[in-house]
């Protein structure tokens, strides 16, 4: 039997697990934000956020204290930079809002769930740098243009992904021959569905995650070793295989 040809186009989906080595906790793991404090989920529910000023005040405090302001990329982020520089990376789709892929040097990033470094007004759509809004030192800062409620320019539960961003991510999943899911529980749609898009288009699927995922049974390879070890090793194999 012939060995399968090495991949020539890799699309990567990353979740919170890739950033834990940088000091940013995940959500559903043993030390996850929601595991330790289930009430914190209200801050990422658009209905709760709009209805409850106390939830908004807590969310703004969390933005001020978010570890993304001082976090540095880790070995997993840097490995994906090498994958891009090798010419193998088609796209890097991330569920993360921490900007660490860009900080590491990745340029082909699709931010499915937005970014914590930008604020959006939910009434008029005004976009403002997060630091600029935080510097106002207000517990629940209203929009300076219309007075509306503002939040981080991220996707909360109850909000739809931006159509153009999702379309770009789906295309990236369909146009690769290897889809690599890293540090994501693959339980949140439509991000998890990108695995199915890739499989339906004939791509191989590799999952690197500490806990099992709903897509493990469909994967060509499942790796449960630490991402900081497993991802750099896999990237080296992919680069070496291409020759």
C-alpha atoms as a PDB file:
ATOM      1  CA  UNK A   1       0.000   0.000   0.000  1.00  0.00           C
ATOM      2  CA  UNK A   2       1.293   3.445  -0.874  1.00  0.00           C
ATOM      3  CA  UNK A   3       1.939   5.948   1.893  1.00  0.00           C
ATOM      4  CA  UNK A   4      -0.498   8.883   1.799  1.00  0.00           C
ATOM      5  CA  UNK A   5       0.972  12.005   0.259  1.00  0.00           C
ATOM      6  CA  UNK A   6       2.070  14.633   2.769  1.00  0.00           C
ATOM      7  CA  UNK A   7      -0.366  17.530   3.108  1.00  0.00           C
ATOM      8  CA  UNK A   8       0.226  20.611   1.009  1.00  0.00           C
ATOM      9  CA  UNK A   9      -2.425  22.849   2.571  1.00  0.00           C
ATOM     10  CA  UNK A  10      -3.200  22.948   6.284  1.00  0.00           C
ATOM     11  CA  UNK A  11      -6.011  24.842   7.969  1.00  0.00           C
ATOM     12  CA  UNK A  12      -5.761  25.124  11.751  1.00  0.00           C
ATOM     13  CA  UNK A  13      -8.556  25.776  14.241  1.00  0.00           C
ATOM     14  CA  UNK A  14      -7.415  26.866  17.694  1.00  0.00           C
ATOM     15  CA  UNK A  15      -9.332  27.213  20.937  1.00  0.00           C
ATOM     16  CA  UNK A  16      -8.619  28.309  24.480  1.00  0.00           C
ATOM     17  CA  UNK A  17      -6.344  25.339  25.184  1.00  0.00           C
ATOM     18  CA  UNK A  18      -3.513  26.757  23.083  1.00  0.00           C
ATOM     19  CA  UNK A  19      -3.292  29.838  25.304  1.00  0.00           C
ATOM     20  CA  UNK A  20      -3.287  28.218  28.743  1.00  0.00           C
ATOM     21  CA  UNK A  21       0.533  27.976  28.703  1.00  0.00           C
ATOM     22  CA  UNK A  22       0.522  31.758  28.288  1.00  0.00           C
ATOM     23  CA  UNK A  23      -1.425  32.187  31.517  1.00  0.00           C
ATOM     24  CA  UNK A  24      -4.880  32.572  29.985  1.00  0.00           C
ATOM     25  CA  UNK A  25      -7.260  29.996  31.512  1.00  0.00           C
ATOM     26  CA  UNK A  26      -9.608  28.010  29.338  1.00  0.00           C
ATOM     27  CA  UNK A  27     -13.338  27.789  30.017  1.00  0.00           C
ATOM     28  CA  UNK A  28     -14.343  24.151  30.450  1.00  0.00           C
ATOM     29  CA  UNK A  29     -11.144  22.476  31.681  1.00  0.00           C
ATOM     30  CA  UNK A  30     -10.487  21.461  35.302  1.00  0.00           C
ATOM     31  CA  UNK A  31      -9.146  24.953  36.044  1.00  0.00           C
ATOM     32  CA  UNK A  32     -11.424  26.671  33.543  1.00  0.00           C
ATOM     33  CA  UNK A  33     -13.085  30.018  34.147  1.00  0.00           C
ATOM     34  CA  UNK A  34     -16.593  28.551  34.037  1.00  0.00           C
ATOM     35  CA  UNK A  35     -15.598  25.409  35.929  1.00  0.00           C
ATOM     36  CA  UNK A  36     -14.382  27.478  38.883  1.00  0.00           C
ATOM     37  CA  UNK A  37     -17.068  30.176  38.609  1.00  0.00           C
ATOM     38  CA  UNK A  38     -20.220  29.072  36.744  1.00  0.00           C
ATOM     39  CA  UNK A  39     -21.781  32.516  37.252  1.00  0.00           C
ATOM     40  CA  UNK A  40     -19.082  33.978  34.977  1.00  0.00           C
ATOM     41  CA  UNK A  41     -20.953  32.551  31.990  1.00  0.00           C
ATOM     42  CA  UNK A  42     -23.511  35.353  32.362  1.00  0.00           C
ATOM     43  CA  UNK A  43     -20.861  37.812  31.145  1.00  0.00           C
ATOM     44  CA  UNK A  44     -20.753  36.080  27.765  1.00  0.00           C
ATOM     45  CA  UNK A  45     -24.510  35.769  27.343  1.00  0.00           C
ATOM     46  CA  UNK A  46     -25.809  38.667  25.262  1.00  0.00           C
ATOM     47  CA  UNK A  47     -29.239  38.539  26.932  1.00  0.00           C
ATOM     48  CA  UNK A  48     -27.787  38.707  30.448  1.00  0.00           C
ATOM     49  CA  UNK A  49     -25.331  41.394  29.389  1.00  0.00           C
ATOM     50  CA  UNK A  50     -28.029  43.641  27.954  1.00  0.00           C
ATOM     51  CA  UNK A  51     -30.499  43.093  30.789  1.00  0.00           C
ATOM     52  CA  UNK A  52     -28.307  43.360  33.885  1.00  0.00           C
ATOM     53  CA  UNK A  53     -26.080  46.385  34.627  1.00  0.00           C
ATOM     54  CA  UNK A  54     -24.321  44.357  37.320  1.00  0.00           C
ATOM     55  CA  UNK A  55     -23.272  41.763  34.734  1.00  0.00           C
ATOM     56  CA  UNK A  56     -21.928  44.557  32.534  1.00  0.00           C
ATOM     57  CA  UNK A  57     -19.969  46.101  35.388  1.00  0.00           C
ATOM     58  CA  UNK A  58     -18.445  42.740  36.200  1.00  0.00           C
ATOM     59  CA  UNK A  59     -17.606  42.214  32.516  1.00  0.00           C
ATOM     60  CA  UNK A  60     -15.846  45.575  32.295  1.00  0.00           C
ATOM     61  CA  UNK A  61     -13.780  44.735  35.371  1.00  0.00           C
ATOM     62  CA  UNK A  62     -12.844  41.415  33.790  1.00  0.00           C
ATOM     63  CA  UNK A  63     -11.708  43.252  30.652  1.00  0.00           C
ATOM     64  CA  UNK A  64      -9.483  45.535  32.709  1.00  0.00           C
ATOM     65  CA  UNK A  65      -7.943  42.522  34.450  1.00  0.00           C
ATOM     66  CA  UNK A  66      -7.773  40.186  31.448  1.00  0.00           C
ATOM     67  CA  UNK A  67      -4.413  38.371  31.230  1.00  0.00           C
ATOM     68  CA  UNK A  68      -4.289  39.032  27.470  1.00  0.00           C
ATOM     69  CA  UNK A  69      -2.904  42.511  28.191  1.00  0.00           C
ATOM     70  CA  UNK A  70       0.383  41.067  29.444  1.00  0.00           C
ATOM     71  CA  UNK A  71       0.393  37.508  28.045  1.00  0.00           C
ATOM     72  CA  UNK A  72       3.130  36.361  25.697  1.00  0.00           C
ATOM     73  CA  UNK A  73       2.875  33.724  22.949  1.00  0.00           C
ATOM     74  CA  UNK A  74       4.001  30.231  23.861  1.00  0.00           C
ATOM     75  CA  UNK A  75       5.549  27.321  21.963  1.00  0.00           C
ATOM     76  CA  UNK A  76       2.212  26.376  20.397  1.00  0.00           C
ATOM     77  CA  UNK A  77       1.669  29.849  18.944  1.00  0.00           C
ATOM     78  CA  UNK A  78       5.248  29.984  17.680  1.00  0.00           C
ATOM     79  CA  UNK A  79       4.928  26.566  16.022  1.00  0.00           C
ATOM     80  CA  UNK A  80       2.050  27.857  13.908  1.00  0.00           C
ATOM     81  CA  UNK A  81       4.190  30.794  12.802  1.00  0.00           C
ATOM     82  CA  UNK A  82       6.743  28.271  11.511  1.00  0.00           C
ATOM     83  CA  UNK A  83       3.966  26.371   9.739  1.00  0.00           C
ATOM     84  CA  UNK A  84       2.918  29.581   7.987  1.00  0.00           C
ATOM     85  CA  UNK A  85       6.483  30.473   7.012  1.00  0.00           C
ATOM     86  CA  UNK A  86       6.956  26.994   5.560  1.00  0.00           C
ATOM     87  CA  UNK A  87       4.175  27.702   3.082  1.00  0.00           C
ATOM     88  CA  UNK A  88       1.945  24.892   4.381  1.00  0.00           C
ATOM     89  CA  UNK A  89      -0.565  26.990   6.298  1.00  0.00           C
ATOM     90  CA  UNK A  90      -3.694  27.840   4.359  1.00  0.00           C
ATOM     91  CA  UNK A  91      -5.437  29.676   7.223  1.00  0.00           C
ATOM     92  CA  UNK A  92      -5.353  29.916  10.993  1.00  0.00           C
ATOM     93  CA  UNK A  93      -8.904  30.078  12.339  1.00  0.00           C
ATOM     94  CA  UNK A  94      -9.095  30.919  16.038  1.00  0.00           C
ATOM     95  CA  UNK A  95     -11.884  30.970  18.583  1.00  0.00           C
ATOM     96  CA  UNK A  96      -9.614  32.995  20.855  1.00  0.00           C
ATOM     97  CA  UNK A  97      -9.924  36.727  21.450  1.00  0.00           C
ATOM     98  CA  UNK A  98      -6.470  37.227  22.999  1.00  0.00           C
ATOM     99  CA  UNK A  99      -4.475  38.277  19.916  1.00  0.00           C
ATOM    100  CA  UNK A 100      -1.592  35.950  20.773  1.00  0.00           C
ATOM    101  CA  UNK A 101      -1.369  34.425  17.304  1.00  0.00           C
ATOM    102  CA  UNK A 102      -0.787  37.856  15.799  1.00  0.00           C
ATOM    103  CA  UNK A 103       1.619  38.758  18.598  1.00  0.00           C
ATOM    104  CA  UNK A 104       3.623  35.633  17.767  1.00  0.00           C
ATOM    105  CA  UNK A 105       3.842  36.659  14.123  1.00  0.00           C
ATOM    106  CA  UNK A 106       0.988  34.814  12.400  1.00  0.00           C
ATOM    107  CA  UNK A 107      -0.611  36.835   9.606  1.00  0.00           C
ATOM    108  CA  UNK A 108      -3.217  34.449   8.136  1.00  0.00           C
ATOM    109  CA  UNK A 109      -5.528  34.659  11.154  1.00  0.00           C
ATOM    110  CA  UNK A 110      -9.333  34.510  11.021  1.00  0.00           C
ATOM    111  CA  UNK A 111     -10.775  35.618  14.370  1.00  0.00           C
ATOM    112  CA  UNK A 112     -14.089  33.762  14.560  1.00  0.00           C
ATOM    113  CA  UNK A 113     -15.116  35.253  17.885  1.00  0.00           C
ATOM    114  CA  UNK A 114     -13.605  38.722  17.540  1.00  0.00           C
ATOM    115  CA  UNK A 115     -11.047  40.461  19.730  1.00  0.00           C
ATOM    116  CA  UNK A 116     -10.911  41.782  23.264  1.00  0.00           C
ATOM    117  CA  UNK A 117      -8.830  44.738  22.105  1.00  0.00           C
ATOM    118  CA  UNK A 118     -11.751  46.485  20.431  1.00  0.00           C
ATOM    119  CA  UNK A 119     -15.104  47.788  21.727  1.00  0.00           C
ATOM    120  CA  UNK A 120     -18.353  47.904  19.768  1.00  0.00           C
ATOM    121  CA  UNK A 121     -21.500  49.916  20.527  1.00  0.00           C
ATOM    122  CA  UNK A 122     -24.503  47.602  20.393  1.00  0.00           C
ATOM    123  CA  UNK A 123     -26.731  50.497  19.272  1.00  0.00           C
ATOM    124  CA  UNK A 124     -24.821  52.408  16.597  1.00  0.00           C
ATOM    125  CA  UNK A 125     -21.925  50.041  15.821  1.00  0.00           C
ATOM    126  CA  UNK A 126     -19.147  52.496  16.691  1.00  0.00           C
ATOM    127  CA  UNK A 127     -15.776  50.737  17.059  1.00  0.00           C
ATOM    128  CA  UNK A 128     -13.275  52.054  19.615  1.00  0.00           C
ATOM    129  CA  UNK A 129      -9.935  50.696  20.889  1.00  0.00           C
ATOM    130  CA  UNK A 130     -10.502  48.854  24.178  1.00  0.00           C
ATOM    131  CA  UNK A 131      -7.689  50.681  25.952  1.00  0.00           C
ATOM    132  CA  UNK A 132      -9.244  54.017  25.060  1.00  0.00           C
ATOM    133  CA  UNK A 133     -12.551  52.994  26.674  1.00  0.00           C
ATOM    134  CA  UNK A 134     -10.922  51.458  29.748  1.00  0.00           C
ATOM    135  CA  UNK A 135      -8.928  54.634  30.300  1.00  0.00           C
ATOM    136  CA  UNK A 136     -12.220  56.435  30.966  1.00  0.00           C
ATOM    137  CA  UNK A 137     -12.374  54.518  34.275  1.00  0.00           C
ATOM    138  CA  UNK A 138     -16.161  54.120  34.127  1.00  0.00           C
ATOM    139  CA  UNK A 139     -17.850  51.012  35.565  1.00  0.00           C
ATOM    140  CA  UNK A 140     -20.181  50.621  32.547  1.00  0.00           C
ATOM    141  CA  UNK A 141     -18.964  53.096  29.902  1.00  0.00           C
ATOM    142  CA  UNK A 142     -21.667  54.180  27.426  1.00  0.00           C
ATOM    143  CA  UNK A 143     -20.981  54.943  23.779  1.00  0.00           C
ATOM    144  CA  UNK A 144     -19.694  58.503  23.388  1.00  0.00           C
ATOM    145  CA  UNK A 145     -21.541  58.888  20.107  1.00  0.00           C
ATOM    146  CA  UNK A 146     -25.035  57.654  20.975  1.00  0.00           C
ATOM    147  CA  UNK A 147     -25.022  56.699  24.655  1.00  0.00           C
ATOM    148  CA  UNK A 148     -25.686  53.041  23.873  1.00  0.00           C
ATOM    149  CA  UNK A 149     -24.432  49.936  25.665  1.00  0.00           C
ATOM    150  CA  UNK A 150     -20.932  48.874  24.659  1.00  0.00           C
ATOM    151  CA  UNK A 151     -19.113  45.562  24.921  1.00  0.00           C
ATOM    152  CA  UNK A 152     -15.916  43.964  23.710  1.00  0.00           C
ATOM    153  CA  UNK A 153     -16.077  43.307  19.970  1.00  0.00           C
ATOM    154  CA  UNK A 154     -16.424  39.594  20.608  1.00  0.00           C
ATOM    155  CA  UNK A 155     -19.175  37.073  19.912  1.00  0.00           C
ATOM    156  CA  UNK A 156     -21.287  36.296  22.973  1.00  0.00           C
ATOM    157  CA  UNK A 157     -23.688  33.386  23.365  1.00  0.00           C
ATOM    158  CA  UNK A 158     -26.885  34.435  21.646  1.00  0.00           C
ATOM    159  CA  UNK A 159     -25.054  36.405  18.952  1.00  0.00           C
ATOM    160  CA  UNK A 160     -24.406  35.182  15.425  1.00  0.00           C
ATOM    161  CA  UNK A 161     -20.928  35.126  13.951  1.00  0.00           C
ATOM    162  CA  UNK A 162     -20.262  37.775  11.344  1.00  0.00           C
ATOM    163  CA  UNK A 163     -21.305  36.257   8.036  1.00  0.00           C
ATOM    164  CA  UNK A 164     -18.184  37.284   6.147  1.00  0.00           C
ATOM    165  CA  UNK A 165     -15.904  35.860   8.849  1.00  0.00           C
ATOM    166  CA  UNK A 166     -17.753  32.547   8.984  1.00  0.00           C
ATOM    167  CA  UNK A 167     -17.774  32.330   5.192  1.00  0.00           C
ATOM    168  CA  UNK A 168     -14.000  32.840   5.121  1.00  0.00           C
ATOM    169  CA  UNK A 169     -13.507  30.150   7.777  1.00  0.00           C
ATOM    170  CA  UNK A 170     -15.726  27.638   5.978  1.00  0.00           C
ATOM    171  CA  UNK A 171     -13.824  28.224   2.741  1.00  0.00           C
ATOM    172  CA  UNK A 172     -10.529  27.663   4.580  1.00  0.00           C
ATOM    173  CA  UNK A 173     -11.851  24.369   5.982  1.00  0.00           C
ATOM    174  CA  UNK A 174     -13.023  23.195   2.568  1.00  0.00           C
ATOM    175  CA  UNK A 175      -9.808  24.119   0.754  1.00  0.00           C
ATOM    176  CA  UNK A 176      -7.243  22.216   2.827  1.00  0.00           C
ATOM    177  CA  UNK A 177      -6.073  18.630   2.773  1.00  0.00           C
ATOM    178  CA  UNK A 178      -5.319  18.574   6.518  1.00  0.00           C
ATOM    179  CA  UNK A 179      -7.522  20.193   9.159  1.00  0.00           C
ATOM    180  CA  UNK A 180      -5.844  20.531  12.541  1.00  0.00           C
ATOM    181  CA  UNK A 181      -7.985  21.272  15.628  1.00  0.00           C
ATOM    182  CA  UNK A 182      -5.905  22.429  18.589  1.00  0.00           C
ATOM    183  CA  UNK A 183      -6.996  23.149  22.137  1.00  0.00           C
ATOM    184  CA  UNK A 184     -10.717  23.277  21.451  1.00  0.00           C
ATOM    185  CA  UNK A 185     -13.505  21.180  22.951  1.00  0.00           C
ATOM    186  CA  UNK A 186     -15.258  21.195  19.546  1.00  0.00           C
ATOM    187  CA  UNK A 187     -18.602  21.658  21.295  1.00  0.00           C
ATOM    188  CA  UNK A 188     -19.388  25.251  20.256  1.00  0.00           C
ATOM    189  CA  UNK A 189     -21.050  25.729  16.896  1.00  0.00           C
ATOM    190  CA  UNK A 190     -20.487  26.825  14.242  1.00  0.00           C
ATOM    191  CA  UNK A 191     -16.737  26.629  14.976  1.00  0.00           C
ATOM    192  CA  UNK A 192     -16.861  22.894  15.696  1.00  0.00           C
ATOM    193  CA  UNK A 193     -18.705  22.332  12.423  1.00  0.00           C
ATOM    194  CA  UNK A 194     -15.604  23.395  10.519  1.00  0.00           C
ATOM    195  CA  UNK A 195     -14.244  19.901  11.217  1.00  0.00           C
ATOM    196  CA  UNK A 196     -17.205  18.444   9.358  1.00  0.00           C
ATOM    197  CA  UNK A 197     -16.730  20.861   6.474  1.00  0.00           C
ATOM    198  CA  UNK A 198     -13.122  19.729   6.127  1.00  0.00           C
ATOM    199  CA  UNK A 199     -13.968  16.039   6.381  1.00  0.00           C
ATOM    200  CA  UNK A 200     -16.757  16.350   3.819  1.00  0.00           C
ATOM    201  CA  UNK A 201     -14.283  17.963   1.421  1.00  0.00           C
ATOM    202  CA  UNK A 202     -11.883  15.040   1.828  1.00  0.00           C
ATOM    203  CA  UNK A 203      -9.363  16.466   4.280  1.00  0.00           C
ATOM    204  CA  UNK A 204      -7.669  14.489   7.018  1.00  0.00           C
ATOM    205  CA  UNK A 205      -8.473  15.547  10.588  1.00  0.00           C
ATOM    206  CA  UNK A 206      -6.026  15.743  13.496  1.00  0.00           C
ATOM    207  CA  UNK A 207      -7.215  16.709  16.984  1.00  0.00           C
ATOM    208  CA  UNK A 208      -4.851  17.899  19.723  1.00  0.00           C
ATOM    209  CA  UNK A 209      -6.739  18.446  22.978  1.00  0.00           C
ATOM    210  CA  UNK A 210      -6.461  17.453  26.639  1.00  0.00           C
ATOM    211  CA  UNK A 211     -10.070  16.246  26.848  1.00  0.00           C
ATOM    212  CA  UNK A 212     -11.980  14.109  24.391  1.00  0.00           C
ATOM    213  CA  UNK A 213     -14.065  15.850  21.717  1.00  0.00           C
ATOM    214  CA  UNK A 214     -17.135  14.873  19.691  1.00  0.00           C
ATOM    215  CA  UNK A 215     -14.940  14.636  16.587  1.00  0.00           C
ATOM    216  CA  UNK A 216     -12.355  12.202  17.961  1.00  0.00           C
ATOM    217  CA  UNK A 217     -14.137   9.258  16.362  1.00  0.00           C
ATOM    218  CA  UNK A 218     -13.803  10.873  12.931  1.00  0.00           C
ATOM    219  CA  UNK A 219     -10.186  11.977  13.303  1.00  0.00           C
ATOM    220  CA  UNK A 220      -7.257  10.325  11.559  1.00  0.00           C
ATOM    221  CA  UNK A 221      -5.166  11.089  14.635  1.00  0.00           C
ATOM    222  CA  UNK A 222      -6.009  12.209  18.191  1.00  0.00           C
ATOM    223  CA  UNK A 223      -3.215  13.557  20.401  1.00  0.00           C
ATOM    224  CA  UNK A 224      -3.826  14.215  24.093  1.00  0.00           C
ATOM    225  CA  UNK A 225      -0.295  15.269  25.011  1.00  0.00           C
ATOM    226  CA  UNK A 226       0.369  18.870  26.146  1.00  0.00           C
ATOM    227  CA  UNK A 227      -0.048  21.284  23.243  1.00  0.00           C
ATOM    228  CA  UNK A 228       3.277  22.979  23.925  1.00  0.00           C
ATOM    229  CA  UNK A 229       5.007  19.650  23.194  1.00  0.00           C
ATOM    230  CA  UNK A 230       2.694  17.994  20.696  1.00  0.00           C
ATOM    231  CA  UNK A 231       2.056  20.894  18.319  1.00  0.00           C
ATOM    232  CA  UNK A 232       5.710  21.878  17.697  1.00  0.00           C
ATOM    233  CA  UNK A 233       6.542  18.197  17.139  1.00  0.00           C
ATOM    234  CA  UNK A 234       3.696  17.762  14.659  1.00  0.00           C
ATOM    235  CA  UNK A 235       4.615  20.946  12.798  1.00  0.00           C
ATOM    236  CA  UNK A 236       8.205  19.718  12.455  1.00  0.00           C
ATOM    237  CA  UNK A 237       6.917  16.412  11.051  1.00  0.00           C
ATOM    238  CA  UNK A 238       4.705  18.189   8.530  1.00  0.00           C
ATOM    239  CA  UNK A 239       7.516  20.473   7.383  1.00  0.00           C
ATOM    240  CA  UNK A 240      10.002  17.589   7.151  1.00  0.00           C
ATOM    241  CA  UNK A 241       7.510  15.424   5.251  1.00  0.00           C
ATOM    242  CA  UNK A 242       7.087  18.064   2.612  1.00  0.00           C
ATOM    243  CA  UNK A 243      10.839  18.122   2.083  1.00  0.00           C
END
